[in-house]
Amino acid sequence: MDKLSFRTLYDVQQLLKRFGTYVHLGKRIWDIELMSIEVKRLYENGMIEKNTFINAQMVLKSEHRKEEKIEKDRLK
């Protein structure tokens, strides 16, 4: 697979869809966590390049932090 860059969660979702993986658990933070696991599996199985894996994980970690902040603020 060619090198891809990711800027949004949507970009990562499109990558996963290329491999037939659709994630919807009903809570955004859970979706992000499962997407991270799936992207890691794709990389470990040689289906995506290292650069693609790293870029996707950076987006997922950023989105996860945003969701954690939203949940924390909701509890205040």
PDB file of N, CA and C in Angstrom:
ATOM      1  N   MET A   1       0.848  -1.181   0.000  1.00  0.00           N
ATOM      2  CA  MET A   1       0.000   0.000   0.000  1.00  0.00           C
ATOM      3  C   MET A   1       0.888   1.237   0.000  1.00  0.00           C
ATOM      4  N   ASP A   2       0.440   2.254  -0.698  1.00  0.00           N
ATOM      5  CA  ASP A   2       1.229   3.478  -0.779  1.00  0.00           C
ATOM      6  C   ASP A   2       1.216   4.241   0.534  1.00  0.00           C
ATOM      7  N   LYS A   3       2.138   5.191   0.628  1.00  0.00           N
ATOM      8  CA  LYS A   3       2.213   6.008   1.838  1.00  0.00           C
ATOM      9  C   LYS A   3       1.027   6.954   1.877  1.00  0.00           C
ATOM     10  N   LEU A   4       0.369   6.989   3.012  1.00  0.00           N
ATOM     11  CA  LEU A   4      -0.795   7.848   3.177  1.00  0.00           C
ATOM     12  C   LEU A   4      -0.571   8.765   4.355  1.00  0.00           C
ATOM     13  N   SER A   5      -1.130   9.967   4.269  1.00  0.00           N
ATOM     14  CA  SER A   5      -1.071  10.846   5.423  1.00  0.00           C
ATOM     15  C   SER A   5      -2.487  11.038   5.939  1.00  0.00           C
ATOM     16  N   PHE A   6      -2.594  11.211   7.223  1.00  0.00           N
ATOM     17  CA  PHE A   6      -3.885  11.314   7.861  1.00  0.00           C
ATOM     18  C   PHE A   6      -3.960  12.604   8.645  1.00  0.00           C
ATOM     19  N   ARG A   7      -5.101  13.252   8.558  1.00  0.00           N
ATOM     20  CA  ARG A   7      -5.316  14.474   9.316  1.00  0.00           C
ATOM     21  C   ARG A   7      -6.518  14.353  10.228  1.00  0.00           C
ATOM     22  N   THR A   8      -7.460  13.494   9.869  1.00  0.00           N
ATOM     23  CA  THR A   8      -8.700  13.405  10.638  1.00  0.00           C
ATOM     24  C   THR A   8      -9.051  11.952  10.945  1.00  0.00           C
ATOM     25  N   LEU A   9      -9.969  11.796  11.874  1.00  0.00           N
ATOM     26  CA  LEU A   9     -10.462  10.467  12.208  1.00  0.00           C
ATOM     27  C   LEU A   9     -11.128   9.831  10.985  1.00  0.00           C
ATOM     28  N   TYR A  10     -11.790  10.644  10.194  1.00  0.00           N
ATOM     29  CA  TYR A  10     -12.419  10.163   8.964  1.00  0.00           C
ATOM     30  C   TYR A  10     -11.393   9.501   8.042  1.00  0.00           C
ATOM     31  N   ASP A  11     -10.197  10.096   7.931  1.00  0.00           N
ATOM     32  CA  ASP A  11      -9.139   9.513   7.096  1.00  0.00           C
ATOM     33  C   ASP A  11      -8.775   8.115   7.582  1.00  0.00           C
ATOM     34  N   VAL A  12      -8.687   7.950   8.888  1.00  0.00           N
ATOM     35  CA  VAL A  12      -8.351   6.636   9.462  1.00  0.00           C
ATOM     36  C   VAL A  12      -9.498   5.654   9.204  1.00  0.00           C
ATOM     37  N   GLN A  13     -10.731   6.128   9.330  1.00  0.00           N
ATOM     38  CA  GLN A  13     -11.885   5.268   9.033  1.00  0.00           C
ATOM     39  C   GLN A  13     -11.839   4.788   7.590  1.00  0.00           C
ATOM     40  N   GLN A  14     -11.466   5.661   6.672  1.00  0.00           N
ATOM     41  CA  GLN A  14     -11.383   5.271   5.264  1.00  0.00           C
ATOM     42  C   GLN A  14     -10.292   4.229   5.034  1.00  0.00           C
ATOM     43  N   LEU A  15      -9.178   4.343   5.730  1.00  0.00           N
ATOM     44  CA  LEU A  15      -8.132   3.331   5.645  1.00  0.00           C
ATOM     45  C   LEU A  15      -8.674   1.979   6.091  1.00  0.00           C
ATOM     46  N   LEU A  16      -9.330   1.951   7.230  1.00  0.00           N
ATOM     47  CA  LEU A  16      -9.869   0.691   7.742  1.00  0.00           C
ATOM     48  C   LEU A  16     -10.918   0.114   6.806  1.00  0.00           C
ATOM     49  N   LYS A  17     -11.726   0.954   6.202  1.00  0.00           N
ATOM     50  CA  LYS A  17     -12.747   0.473   5.265  1.00  0.00           C
ATOM     51  C   LYS A  17     -12.128  -0.223   4.065  1.00  0.00           C
ATOM     52  N   ARG A  18     -10.940   0.230   3.661  1.00  0.00           N
ATOM     53  CA  ARG A  18     -10.231  -0.435   2.544  1.00  0.00           C
ATOM     54  C   ARG A  18      -9.989  -1.915   2.842  1.00  0.00           C
ATOM     55  N   PHE A  19      -9.908  -2.246   4.116  1.00  0.00           N
ATOM     56  CA  PHE A  19      -9.656  -3.620   4.539  1.00  0.00           C
ATOM     57  C   PHE A  19     -10.917  -4.284   5.081  1.00  0.00           C
ATOM     58  N   GLY A  20     -12.061  -3.662   4.839  1.00  0.00           N
ATOM     59  CA  GLY A  20     -13.327  -4.250   5.244  1.00  0.00           C
ATOM     60  C   GLY A  20     -13.651  -4.101   6.718  1.00  0.00           C
ATOM     61  N   THR A  21     -13.016  -3.151   7.387  1.00  0.00           N
ATOM     62  CA  THR A  21     -13.243  -2.952   8.819  1.00  0.00           C
ATOM     63  C   THR A  21     -14.070  -1.698   9.042  1.00  0.00           C
ATOM     64  N   TYR A  22     -15.243  -1.904   9.622  1.00  0.00           N
ATOM     65  CA  TYR A  22     -16.142  -0.801   9.971  1.00  0.00           C
ATOM     66  C   TYR A  22     -16.301  -0.816  11.479  1.00  0.00           C
ATOM     67  N   VAL A  23     -16.053   0.314  12.117  1.00  0.00           N
ATOM     68  CA  VAL A  23     -16.094   0.389  13.575  1.00  0.00           C
ATOM     69  C   VAL A  23     -17.202   1.341  14.016  1.00  0.00           C
ATOM     70  N   HIS A  24     -18.130   0.817  14.800  1.00  0.00           N
ATOM     71  CA  HIS A  24     -19.155   1.660  15.429  1.00  0.00           C
ATOM     72  C   HIS A  24     -19.645   0.948  16.680  1.00  0.00           C
ATOM     73  N   LEU A  25     -19.113   1.353  17.817  1.00  0.00           N
ATOM     74  CA  LEU A  25     -19.481   0.731  19.084  1.00  0.00           C
ATOM     75  C   LEU A  25     -20.522   1.555  19.836  1.00  0.00           C
ATOM     76  N   GLY A  26     -20.800   2.759  19.358  1.00  0.00           N
ATOM     77  CA  GLY A  26     -21.814   3.579  19.986  1.00  0.00           C
ATOM     78  C   GLY A  26     -21.272   4.684  20.872  1.00  0.00           C
ATOM     79  N   LYS A  27     -19.991   4.653  21.139  1.00  0.00           N
ATOM     80  CA  LYS A  27     -19.357   5.711  21.923  1.00  0.00           C
ATOM     81  C   LYS A  27     -18.048   6.058  21.217  1.00  0.00           C
ATOM     82  N   ARG A  28     -17.857   7.316  20.905  1.00  0.00           N
ATOM     83  CA  ARG A  28     -16.716   7.742  20.084  1.00  0.00           C
ATOM     84  C   ARG A  28     -15.363   7.294  20.652  1.00  0.00           C
ATOM     85  N   ILE A  29     -15.180   7.420  21.951  1.00  0.00           N
ATOM     86  CA  ILE A  29     -13.881   7.063  22.533  1.00  0.00           C
ATOM     87  C   ILE A  29     -13.607   5.560  22.377  1.00  0.00           C
ATOM     88  N   TRP A  30     -14.653   4.751  22.466  1.00  0.00           N
ATOM     89  CA  TRP A  30     -14.487   3.300  22.259  1.00  0.00           C
ATOM     90  C   TRP A  30     -14.142   3.005  20.803  1.00  0.00           C
ATOM     91  N   ASP A  31     -14.786   3.737  19.889  1.00  0.00           N
ATOM     92  CA  ASP A  31     -14.482   3.570  18.468  1.00  0.00           C
ATOM     93  C   ASP A  31     -13.008   3.869  18.193  1.00  0.00           C
ATOM     94  N   ILE A  32     -12.517   4.949  18.783  1.00  0.00           N
ATOM     95  CA  ILE A  32     -11.122   5.342  18.583  1.00  0.00           C
ATOM     96  C   ILE A  32     -10.185   4.264  19.117  1.00  0.00           C
ATOM     97  N   GLU A  33     -10.481   3.720  20.284  1.00  0.00           N
ATOM     98  CA  GLU A  33      -9.638   2.672  20.870  1.00  0.00           C
ATOM     99  C   GLU A  33      -9.620   1.417  19.999  1.00  0.00           C
ATOM    100  N   LEU A  34     -10.776   1.020  19.476  1.00  0.00           N
ATOM    101  CA  LEU A  34     -10.827  -0.158  18.614  1.00  0.00           C
ATOM    102  C   LEU A  34     -10.117   0.101  17.289  1.00  0.00           C
ATOM    103  N   MET A  35     -10.266   1.306  16.751  1.00  0.00           N
ATOM    104  CA  MET A  35      -9.557   1.647  15.510  1.00  0.00           C
ATOM    105  C   MET A  35      -8.052   1.554  15.710  1.00  0.00           C
ATOM    106  N   SER A  36      -7.575   1.980  16.867  1.00  0.00           N
ATOM    107  CA  SER A  36      -6.146   1.896  17.166  1.00  0.00           C
ATOM    108  C   SER A  36      -5.676   0.445  17.151  1.00  0.00           C
ATOM    109  N   ILE A  37      -6.459  -0.422  17.751  1.00  0.00           N
ATOM    110  CA  ILE A  37      -6.122  -1.856  17.764  1.00  0.00           C
ATOM    111  C   ILE A  37      -6.102  -2.407  16.340  1.00  0.00           C
ATOM    112  N   GLU A  38      -7.098  -2.050  15.547  1.00  0.00           N
ATOM    113  CA  GLU A  38      -7.187  -2.560  14.176  1.00  0.00           C
ATOM    114  C   GLU A  38      -6.037  -2.053  13.305  1.00  0.00           C
ATOM    115  N   VAL A  39      -5.673  -0.778  13.458  1.00  0.00           N
ATOM    116  CA  VAL A  39      -4.548  -0.227  12.688  1.00  0.00           C
ATOM    117  C   VAL A  39      -3.258  -0.953  13.074  1.00  0.00           C
ATOM    118  N   LYS A  40      -3.083  -1.219  14.356  1.00  0.00           N
ATOM    119  CA  LYS A  40      -1.895  -1.943  14.813  1.00  0.00           C
ATOM    120  C   LYS A  40      -1.843  -3.341  14.201  1.00  0.00           C
ATOM    121  N   ARG A  41      -2.973  -4.005  14.139  1.00  0.00           N
ATOM    122  CA  ARG A  41      -3.019  -5.348  13.532  1.00  0.00           C
ATOM    123  C   ARG A  41      -2.673  -5.305  12.051  1.00  0.00           C
ATOM    124  N   LEU A  42      -3.167  -4.300  11.350  1.00  0.00           N
ATOM    125  CA  LEU A  42      -2.820  -4.163   9.930  1.00  0.00           C
ATOM    126  C   LEU A  42      -1.314  -4.008   9.759  1.00  0.00           C
ATOM    127  N   TYR A  43      -0.709  -3.194  10.607  1.00  0.00           N
ATOM    128  CA  TYR A  43       0.739  -2.978  10.524  1.00  0.00           C
ATOM    129  C   TYR A  43       1.505  -4.254  10.869  1.00  0.00           C
ATOM    130  N   GLU A  44       1.115  -4.907  11.949  1.00  0.00           N
ATOM    131  CA  GLU A  44       1.804  -6.134  12.370  1.00  0.00           C
ATOM    132  C   GLU A  44       1.720  -7.240  11.320  1.00  0.00           C
ATOM    133  N   ASN A  45       0.667  -7.213  10.528  1.00  0.00           N
ATOM    134  CA  ASN A  45       0.492  -8.225   9.486  1.00  0.00           C
ATOM    135  C   ASN A  45       1.038  -7.778   8.132  1.00  0.00           C
ATOM    136  N   GLY A  46       1.762  -6.651   8.123  1.00  0.00           N
ATOM    137  CA  GLY A  46       2.416  -6.184   6.908  1.00  0.00           C
ATOM    138  C   GLY A  46       1.470  -5.641   5.850  1.00  0.00           C
ATOM    139  N   MET A  47       0.286  -5.230   6.261  1.00  0.00           N
ATOM    140  CA  MET A  47      -0.703  -4.755   5.298  1.00  0.00           C
ATOM    141  C   MET A  47      -0.621  -3.245   5.068  1.00  0.00           C
ATOM    142  N   ILE A  48       0.018  -2.540   5.987  1.00  0.00           N
ATOM    143  CA  ILE A  48       0.264  -1.114   5.807  1.00  0.00           C
ATOM    144  C   ILE A  48       1.716  -0.816   6.164  1.00  0.00           C
ATOM    145  N   GLU A  49       2.233   0.250   5.602  1.00  0.00           N
ATOM    146  CA  GLU A  49       3.614   0.642   5.861  1.00  0.00           C
ATOM    147  C   GLU A  49       3.748   1.318   7.218  1.00  0.00           C
ATOM    148  N   LYS A  50       4.985   1.361   7.701  1.00  0.00           N
ATOM    149  CA  LYS A  50       5.259   1.962   9.006  1.00  0.00           C
ATOM    150  C   LYS A  50       4.803   3.414   9.068  1.00  0.00           C
ATOM    151  N   ASN A  51       5.080   4.179   8.020  1.00  0.00           N
ATOM    152  CA  ASN A  51       4.700   5.587   7.998  1.00  0.00           C
ATOM    153  C   ASN A  51       3.178   5.758   8.089  1.00  0.00           C
ATOM    154  N   THR A  52       2.455   4.912   7.406  1.00  0.00           N
ATOM    155  CA  THR A  52       0.993   4.941   7.457  1.00  0.00           C
ATOM    156  C   THR A  52       0.518   4.626   8.863  1.00  0.00           C
ATOM    157  N   PHE A  53       1.111   3.608   9.476  1.00  0.00           N
ATOM    158  CA  PHE A  53       0.767   3.217  10.843  1.00  0.00           C
ATOM    159  C   PHE A  53       1.006   4.370  11.819  1.00  0.00           C
ATOM    160  N   ILE A  54       2.173   4.981  11.731  1.00  0.00           N
ATOM    161  CA  ILE A  54       2.523   6.065  12.652  1.00  0.00           C
ATOM    162  C   ILE A  54       1.572   7.254  12.476  1.00  0.00           C
ATOM    163  N   ASN A  55       1.316   7.642  11.237  1.00  0.00           N
ATOM    164  CA  ASN A  55       0.411   8.772  10.990  1.00  0.00           C
ATOM    165  C   ASN A  55      -0.995   8.493  11.506  1.00  0.00           C
ATOM    166  N   ALA A  56      -1.492   7.302  11.258  1.00  0.00           N
ATOM    167  CA  ALA A  56      -2.836   6.941  11.728  1.00  0.00           C
ATOM    168  C   ALA A  56      -2.887   6.945  13.249  1.00  0.00           C
ATOM    169  N   GLN A  57      -1.868   6.405  13.891  1.00  0.00           N
ATOM    170  CA  GLN A  57      -1.849   6.354  15.352  1.00  0.00           C
ATOM    171  C   GLN A  57      -1.774   7.755  15.949  1.00  0.00           C
ATOM    172  N   MET A  58      -1.058   8.656  15.299  1.00  0.00           N
ATOM    173  CA  MET A  58      -0.974  10.033  15.804  1.00  0.00           C
ATOM    174  C   MET A  58      -2.352  10.689  15.785  1.00  0.00           C
ATOM    175  N   VAL A  59      -3.095  10.488  14.719  1.00  0.00           N
ATOM    176  CA  VAL A  59      -4.450  11.043  14.634  1.00  0.00           C
ATOM    177  C   VAL A  59      -5.322  10.429  15.724  1.00  0.00           C
ATOM    178  N   LEU A  60      -5.248   9.109  15.879  1.00  0.00           N
ATOM    179  CA  LEU A  60      -6.082   8.428  16.867  1.00  0.00           C
ATOM    180  C   LEU A  60      -5.758   8.877  18.289  1.00  0.00           C
ATOM    181  N   LYS A  61      -4.488   9.042  18.598  1.00  0.00           N
ATOM    182  CA  LYS A  61      -4.110   9.502  19.938  1.00  0.00           C
ATOM    183  C   LYS A  61      -4.605  10.925  20.189  1.00  0.00           C
ATOM    184  N   SER A  62      -4.501  11.775  19.180  1.00  0.00           N
ATOM    185  CA  SER A  62      -4.982  13.148  19.309  1.00  0.00           C
ATOM    186  C   SER A  62      -6.492  13.165  19.545  1.00  0.00           C
ATOM    187  N   GLU A  63      -7.226  12.395  18.778  1.00  0.00           N
ATOM    188  CA  GLU A  63      -8.681  12.330  18.931  1.00  0.00           C
ATOM    189  C   GLU A  63      -9.061  11.735  20.287  1.00  0.00           C
ATOM    190  N   HIS A  64      -8.294  10.763  20.748  1.00  0.00           N
ATOM    191  CA  HIS A  64      -8.567  10.139  22.044  1.00  0.00           C
ATOM    192  C   HIS A  64      -8.403  11.163  23.163  1.00  0.00           C
ATOM    193  N   ARG A  65      -7.344  11.967  23.093  1.00  0.00           N
ATOM    194  CA  ARG A  65      -7.125  13.020  24.095  1.00  0.00           C
ATOM    195  C   ARG A  65      -8.274  14.021  24.095  1.00  0.00           C
ATOM    196  N   LYS A  66      -8.748  14.394  22.902  1.00  0.00           N
ATOM    197  CA  LYS A  66      -9.875  15.320  22.807  1.00  0.00           C
ATOM    198  C   LYS A  66     -11.106  14.743  23.487  1.00  0.00           C
ATOM    199  N   GLU A  67     -11.379  13.467  23.238  1.00  0.00           N
ATOM    200  CA  GLU A  67     -12.548  12.819  23.841  1.00  0.00           C
ATOM    201  C   GLU A  67     -12.412  12.718  25.359  1.00  0.00           C
ATOM    202  N   GLU A  68     -11.199  12.422  25.828  1.00  0.00           N
ATOM    203  CA  GLU A  68     -10.980  12.362  27.277  1.00  0.00           C
ATOM    204  C   GLU A  68     -11.241  13.725  27.916  1.00  0.00           C
ATOM    205  N   LYS A  69     -10.803  14.788  27.256  1.00  0.00           N
ATOM    206  CA  LYS A  69     -11.023  16.145  27.781  1.00  0.00           C
ATOM    207  C   LYS A  69     -12.523  16.458  27.812  1.00  0.00           C
ATOM    208  N   ILE A  70     -13.221  16.114  26.757  1.00  0.00           N
ATOM    209  CA  ILE A  70     -14.672  16.355  26.699  1.00  0.00           C
ATOM    210  C   ILE A  70     -15.366  15.634  27.845  1.00  0.00           C
ATOM    211  N   GLU A  71     -15.001  14.376  28.070  1.00  0.00           N
ATOM    212  CA  GLU A  71     -15.627  13.604  29.165  1.00  0.00           C
ATOM    213  C   GLU A  71     -15.282  14.189  30.522  1.00  0.00           C
ATOM    214  N   LYS A  72     -14.031  14.606  30.678  1.00  0.00           N
ATOM    215  CA  LYS A  72     -13.613  15.211  31.943  1.00  0.00           C
ATOM    216  C   LYS A  72     -14.370  16.506  32.209  1.00  0.00           C
ATOM    217  N   ASP A  73     -14.502  17.326  31.180  1.00  0.00           N
ATOM    218  CA  ASP A  73     -15.233  18.597  31.313  1.00  0.00           C
ATOM    219  C   ASP A  73     -16.705  18.355  31.606  1.00  0.00           C
ATOM    220  N   ARG A  74     -17.253  17.286  31.086  1.00  0.00           N
ATOM    221  CA  ARG A  74     -18.658  16.949  31.307  1.00  0.00           C
ATOM    222  C   ARG A  74     -18.928  16.610  32.762  1.00  0.00           C
ATOM    223  N   LEU A  75     -17.921  16.057  33.429  1.00  0.00           N
ATOM    224  CA  LEU A  75     -18.073  15.646  34.824  1.00  0.00           C
ATOM    225  C   LEU A  75     -17.962  16.809  35.800  1.00  0.00           C
ATOM    226  N   LYS A  76     -17.481  17.946  35.341  1.00  0.00           N
ATOM    227  CA  LYS A  76     -17.310  19.118  36.220  1.00  0.00           C
ATOM    228  C   LYS A  76     -18.638  19.727  36.587  1.00  0.00           C
TER     229      LYS A  76
END
